[in-house]
């Protein structure tokens, strides 16, 4: 959600200074009463009406390693998340690495040198290539 504009904040405080109650000001400008009270408190304690800074200041653990992650994935696109974590040599969870890859818009490709997996019963019966056969055994 975006912060309310400075202009709106100043108009609200002008009405409050003119003696309009918090409830009426909130109704007039379609904001909550608690927000009007917090705005008045902010002006009284800090002397400013601008919005506060963002609260999420924690930098992700993987961010300094973004270039190295991109390089490792480019070199070996079928690397697993666990292998990637070991290659980076830091204590980071697999889920955090997954979020990092999503944020960096990187994908890990599966590599299956044998092609598509087949049912063991079809391979044993020699009917792996013929999908229309009635000799399939399902377990």
C-alpha atoms as a PDB file:
ATOM      1  CA  UNK A   1       0.000   0.000   0.000  1.00  0.00           C
ATOM      2  CA  UNK A   2       1.313   3.430  -0.918  1.00  0.00           C
ATOM      3  CA  UNK A   3       1.766   6.139   1.690  1.00  0.00           C
ATOM      4  CA  UNK A   4      -0.662   9.046   1.796  1.00  0.00           C
ATOM      5  CA  UNK A   5       0.600  12.160   0.015  1.00  0.00           C
ATOM      6  CA  UNK A   6       2.175  15.073   1.866  1.00  0.00           C
ATOM      7  CA  UNK A   7      -0.589  17.332   0.542  1.00  0.00           C
ATOM      8  CA  UNK A   8      -3.300  15.158   2.107  1.00  0.00           C
ATOM      9  CA  UNK A   9      -1.392  14.997   5.391  1.00  0.00           C
ATOM     10  CA  UNK A  10      -1.081  18.795   5.509  1.00  0.00           C
ATOM     11  CA  UNK A  11      -4.792  19.307   4.713  1.00  0.00           C
ATOM     12  CA  UNK A  12      -5.752  16.882   7.473  1.00  0.00           C
ATOM     13  CA  UNK A  13      -3.537  18.656   9.984  1.00  0.00           C
ATOM     14  CA  UNK A  14      -4.913  22.057   8.946  1.00  0.00           C
ATOM     15  CA  UNK A  15      -8.430  20.812   9.727  1.00  0.00           C
ATOM     16  CA  UNK A  16      -7.261  19.339  13.044  1.00  0.00           C
ATOM     17  CA  UNK A  17      -5.588  22.660  13.911  1.00  0.00           C
ATOM     18  CA  UNK A  18      -8.833  24.471  13.041  1.00  0.00           C
ATOM     19  CA  UNK A  19     -10.609  22.446  15.737  1.00  0.00           C
ATOM     20  CA  UNK A  20     -12.303  19.704  13.700  1.00  0.00           C
ATOM     21  CA  UNK A  21     -12.493  16.440  15.643  1.00  0.00           C
ATOM     22  CA  UNK A  22     -10.415  13.416  14.701  1.00  0.00           C
ATOM     23  CA  UNK A  23     -13.532  11.423  13.767  1.00  0.00           C
ATOM     24  CA  UNK A  24     -14.872  14.127  11.411  1.00  0.00           C
ATOM     25  CA  UNK A  25     -11.482  14.606   9.773  1.00  0.00           C
ATOM     26  CA  UNK A  26     -11.207  10.835   9.244  1.00  0.00           C
ATOM     27  CA  UNK A  27     -14.654  10.713   7.668  1.00  0.00           C
ATOM     28  CA  UNK A  28     -14.022  13.771   5.499  1.00  0.00           C
ATOM     29  CA  UNK A  29     -10.778  12.417   4.015  1.00  0.00           C
ATOM     30  CA  UNK A  30     -11.740   8.727   4.071  1.00  0.00           C
ATOM     31  CA  UNK A  31      -8.901   7.633   6.359  1.00  0.00           C
ATOM     32  CA  UNK A  32      -8.993   5.844   9.695  1.00  0.00           C
ATOM     33  CA  UNK A  33      -9.224   7.671  12.992  1.00  0.00           C
ATOM     34  CA  UNK A  34      -6.174   5.825  14.298  1.00  0.00           C
ATOM     35  CA  UNK A  35      -4.137   7.010  11.308  1.00  0.00           C
ATOM     36  CA  UNK A  36      -5.141  10.632  12.009  1.00  0.00           C
ATOM     37  CA  UNK A  37      -4.077  10.177  15.654  1.00  0.00           C
ATOM     38  CA  UNK A  38      -0.737   8.674  14.579  1.00  0.00           C
ATOM     39  CA  UNK A  39      -0.204  11.582  12.166  1.00  0.00           C
ATOM     40  CA  UNK A  40      -0.823  14.090  14.957  1.00  0.00           C
ATOM     41  CA  UNK A  41       1.535  12.152  17.231  1.00  0.00           C
ATOM     42  CA  UNK A  42       4.228  12.037  14.534  1.00  0.00           C
ATOM     43  CA  UNK A  43       4.031  15.813  14.067  1.00  0.00           C
ATOM     44  CA  UNK A  44       4.119  16.425  17.821  1.00  0.00           C
ATOM     45  CA  UNK A  45       7.041  14.080  18.558  1.00  0.00           C
ATOM     46  CA  UNK A  46       9.163  14.348  15.403  1.00  0.00           C
ATOM     47  CA  UNK A  47       8.066  17.678  13.991  1.00  0.00           C
ATOM     48  CA  UNK A  48       7.428  16.192  10.557  1.00  0.00           C
ATOM     49  CA  UNK A  49       4.483  14.827   8.608  1.00  0.00           C
ATOM     50  CA  UNK A  50       6.287  12.840   5.917  1.00  0.00           C
ATOM     51  CA  UNK A  51       5.787   9.075   5.831  1.00  0.00           C
ATOM     52  CA  UNK A  52       8.248   6.926   7.754  1.00  0.00           C
ATOM     53  CA  UNK A  53      10.807   4.763   6.040  1.00  0.00           C
ATOM     54  CA  UNK A  54      10.095   1.206   4.985  1.00  0.00           C
ATOM     55  CA  UNK A  55      10.202  -1.297   7.839  1.00  0.00           C
ATOM     56  CA  UNK A  56      11.736  -4.149   5.863  1.00  0.00           C
ATOM     57  CA  UNK A  57      15.429  -3.334   6.117  1.00  0.00           C
ATOM     58  CA  UNK A  58      16.887  -6.832   6.373  1.00  0.00           C
ATOM     59  CA  UNK A  59      18.915  -7.740   3.326  1.00  0.00           C
ATOM     60  CA  UNK A  60      18.549 -11.371   2.194  1.00  0.00           C
ATOM     61  CA  UNK A  61      21.536 -13.602   2.948  1.00  0.00           C
ATOM     62  CA  UNK A  62      21.924 -14.541  -0.704  1.00  0.00           C
ATOM     63  CA  UNK A  63      21.955 -10.997  -2.145  1.00  0.00           C
ATOM     64  CA  UNK A  64      25.758 -10.471  -1.964  1.00  0.00           C
ATOM     65  CA  UNK A  65      26.146 -13.801  -3.798  1.00  0.00           C
ATOM     66  CA  UNK A  66      23.691 -13.037  -6.617  1.00  0.00           C
ATOM     67  CA  UNK A  67      26.374 -12.867  -9.317  1.00  0.00           C
ATOM     68  CA  UNK A  68      27.986 -16.094  -8.126  1.00  0.00           C
ATOM     69  CA  UNK A  69      24.580 -17.839  -8.090  1.00  0.00           C
ATOM     70  CA  UNK A  70      23.903 -16.674 -11.655  1.00  0.00           C
ATOM     71  CA  UNK A  71      27.351 -17.883 -12.742  1.00  0.00           C
ATOM     72  CA  UNK A  72      26.919 -21.325 -11.156  1.00  0.00           C
ATOM     73  CA  UNK A  73      23.480 -21.818 -12.691  1.00  0.00           C
ATOM     74  CA  UNK A  74      24.758 -20.687 -16.105  1.00  0.00           C
ATOM     75  CA  UNK A  75      27.654 -23.166 -15.927  1.00  0.00           C
ATOM     76  CA  UNK A  76      25.500 -26.094 -14.839  1.00  0.00           C
ATOM     77  CA  UNK A  77      21.798 -25.573 -15.434  1.00  0.00           C
ATOM     78  CA  UNK A  78      20.827 -28.956 -13.981  1.00  0.00           C
ATOM     79  CA  UNK A  79      22.470 -28.305 -10.602  1.00  0.00           C
ATOM     80  CA  UNK A  80      20.261 -29.137  -7.640  1.00  0.00           C
ATOM     81  CA  UNK A  81      19.523 -26.661  -4.877  1.00  0.00           C
ATOM     82  CA  UNK A  82      21.561 -28.720  -2.422  1.00  0.00           C
ATOM     83  CA  UNK A  83      24.543 -28.819  -4.800  1.00  0.00           C
ATOM     84  CA  UNK A  84      24.194 -25.076  -5.333  1.00  0.00           C
ATOM     85  CA  UNK A  85      24.216 -24.498  -1.574  1.00  0.00           C
ATOM     86  CA  UNK A  86      27.362 -26.617  -1.204  1.00  0.00           C
ATOM     87  CA  UNK A  87      29.057 -24.781  -4.086  1.00  0.00           C
ATOM     88  CA  UNK A  88      28.351 -21.421  -2.452  1.00  0.00           C
ATOM     89  CA  UNK A  89      29.831 -22.623   0.834  1.00  0.00           C
ATOM     90  CA  UNK A  90      27.475 -20.674   3.093  1.00  0.00           C
ATOM     91  CA  UNK A  91      24.885 -21.710   5.648  1.00  0.00           C
ATOM     92  CA  UNK A  92      21.653 -21.014   3.786  1.00  0.00           C
ATOM     93  CA  UNK A  93      18.448 -23.012   3.511  1.00  0.00           C
ATOM     94  CA  UNK A  94      17.299 -24.675   0.309  1.00  0.00           C
ATOM     95  CA  UNK A  95      14.063 -22.653   0.491  1.00  0.00           C
ATOM     96  CA  UNK A  96      16.022 -19.392   0.647  1.00  0.00           C
ATOM     97  CA  UNK A  97      17.980 -20.442  -2.417  1.00  0.00           C
ATOM     98  CA  UNK A  98      14.727 -21.280  -4.170  1.00  0.00           C
ATOM     99  CA  UNK A  99      13.408 -17.773  -3.404  1.00  0.00           C
ATOM    100  CA  UNK A 100      16.688 -16.297  -4.634  1.00  0.00           C
ATOM    101  CA  UNK A 101      16.410 -18.128  -7.957  1.00  0.00           C
ATOM    102  CA  UNK A 102      12.814 -16.971  -8.341  1.00  0.00           C
ATOM    103  CA  UNK A 103      13.808 -13.372  -7.591  1.00  0.00           C
ATOM    104  CA  UNK A 104      16.713 -13.571 -10.066  1.00  0.00           C
ATOM    105  CA  UNK A 105      14.375 -15.226 -12.603  1.00  0.00           C
ATOM    106  CA  UNK A 106      16.625 -18.242 -12.931  1.00  0.00           C
ATOM    107  CA  UNK A 107      15.417 -21.802 -13.394  1.00  0.00           C
ATOM    108  CA  UNK A 108      17.100 -25.117 -12.812  1.00  0.00           C
ATOM    109  CA  UNK A 109      16.642 -27.566 -15.680  1.00  0.00           C
ATOM    110  CA  UNK A 110      16.159 -31.228 -15.096  1.00  0.00           C
ATOM    111  CA  UNK A 111      18.445 -33.454 -17.091  1.00  0.00           C
ATOM    112  CA  UNK A 112      17.455 -37.032 -17.772  1.00  0.00           C
ATOM    113  CA  UNK A 113      20.018 -38.744 -20.024  1.00  0.00           C
ATOM    114  CA  UNK A 114      17.806 -41.849 -20.423  1.00  0.00           C
ATOM    115  CA  UNK A 115      14.799 -39.958 -21.691  1.00  0.00           C
ATOM    116  CA  UNK A 116      11.369 -40.331 -20.175  1.00  0.00           C
ATOM    117  CA  UNK A 117      10.918 -42.802 -17.327  1.00  0.00           C
ATOM    118  CA  UNK A 118       9.033 -45.968 -18.223  1.00  0.00           C
ATOM    119  CA  UNK A 119       7.081 -48.447 -16.202  1.00  0.00           C
ATOM    120  CA  UNK A 120       9.298 -51.379 -15.141  1.00  0.00           C
ATOM    121  CA  UNK A 121       6.595 -53.869 -16.193  1.00  0.00           C
ATOM    122  CA  UNK A 122       6.552 -52.481 -19.753  1.00  0.00           C
ATOM    123  CA  UNK A 123      10.323 -52.629 -20.029  1.00  0.00           C
ATOM    124  CA  UNK A 124      10.387 -56.229 -18.732  1.00  0.00           C
ATOM    125  CA  UNK A 125       7.712 -57.363 -21.191  1.00  0.00           C
ATOM    126  CA  UNK A 126       9.562 -55.790 -24.116  1.00  0.00           C
ATOM    127  CA  UNK A 127       6.512 -53.667 -24.884  1.00  0.00           C
ATOM    128  CA  UNK A 128       7.960 -50.301 -23.836  1.00  0.00           C
ATOM    129  CA  UNK A 129       7.599 -48.729 -27.274  1.00  0.00           C
ATOM    130  CA  UNK A 130       4.066 -49.915 -28.018  1.00  0.00           C
ATOM    131  CA  UNK A 131       1.634 -47.832 -25.970  1.00  0.00           C
ATOM    132  CA  UNK A 132      -1.523 -49.378 -27.417  1.00  0.00           C
ATOM    133  CA  UNK A 133      -0.781 -52.896 -26.221  1.00  0.00           C
ATOM    134  CA  UNK A 134      -3.183 -54.613 -23.843  1.00  0.00           C
ATOM    135  CA  UNK A 135      -0.274 -56.352 -22.081  1.00  0.00           C
ATOM    136  CA  UNK A 136       0.332 -53.454 -19.677  1.00  0.00           C
ATOM    137  CA  UNK A 137       0.494 -54.307 -16.006  1.00  0.00           C
ATOM    138  CA  UNK A 138      -0.368 -51.577 -13.515  1.00  0.00           C
ATOM    139  CA  UNK A 139       0.419 -51.837  -9.840  1.00  0.00           C
END
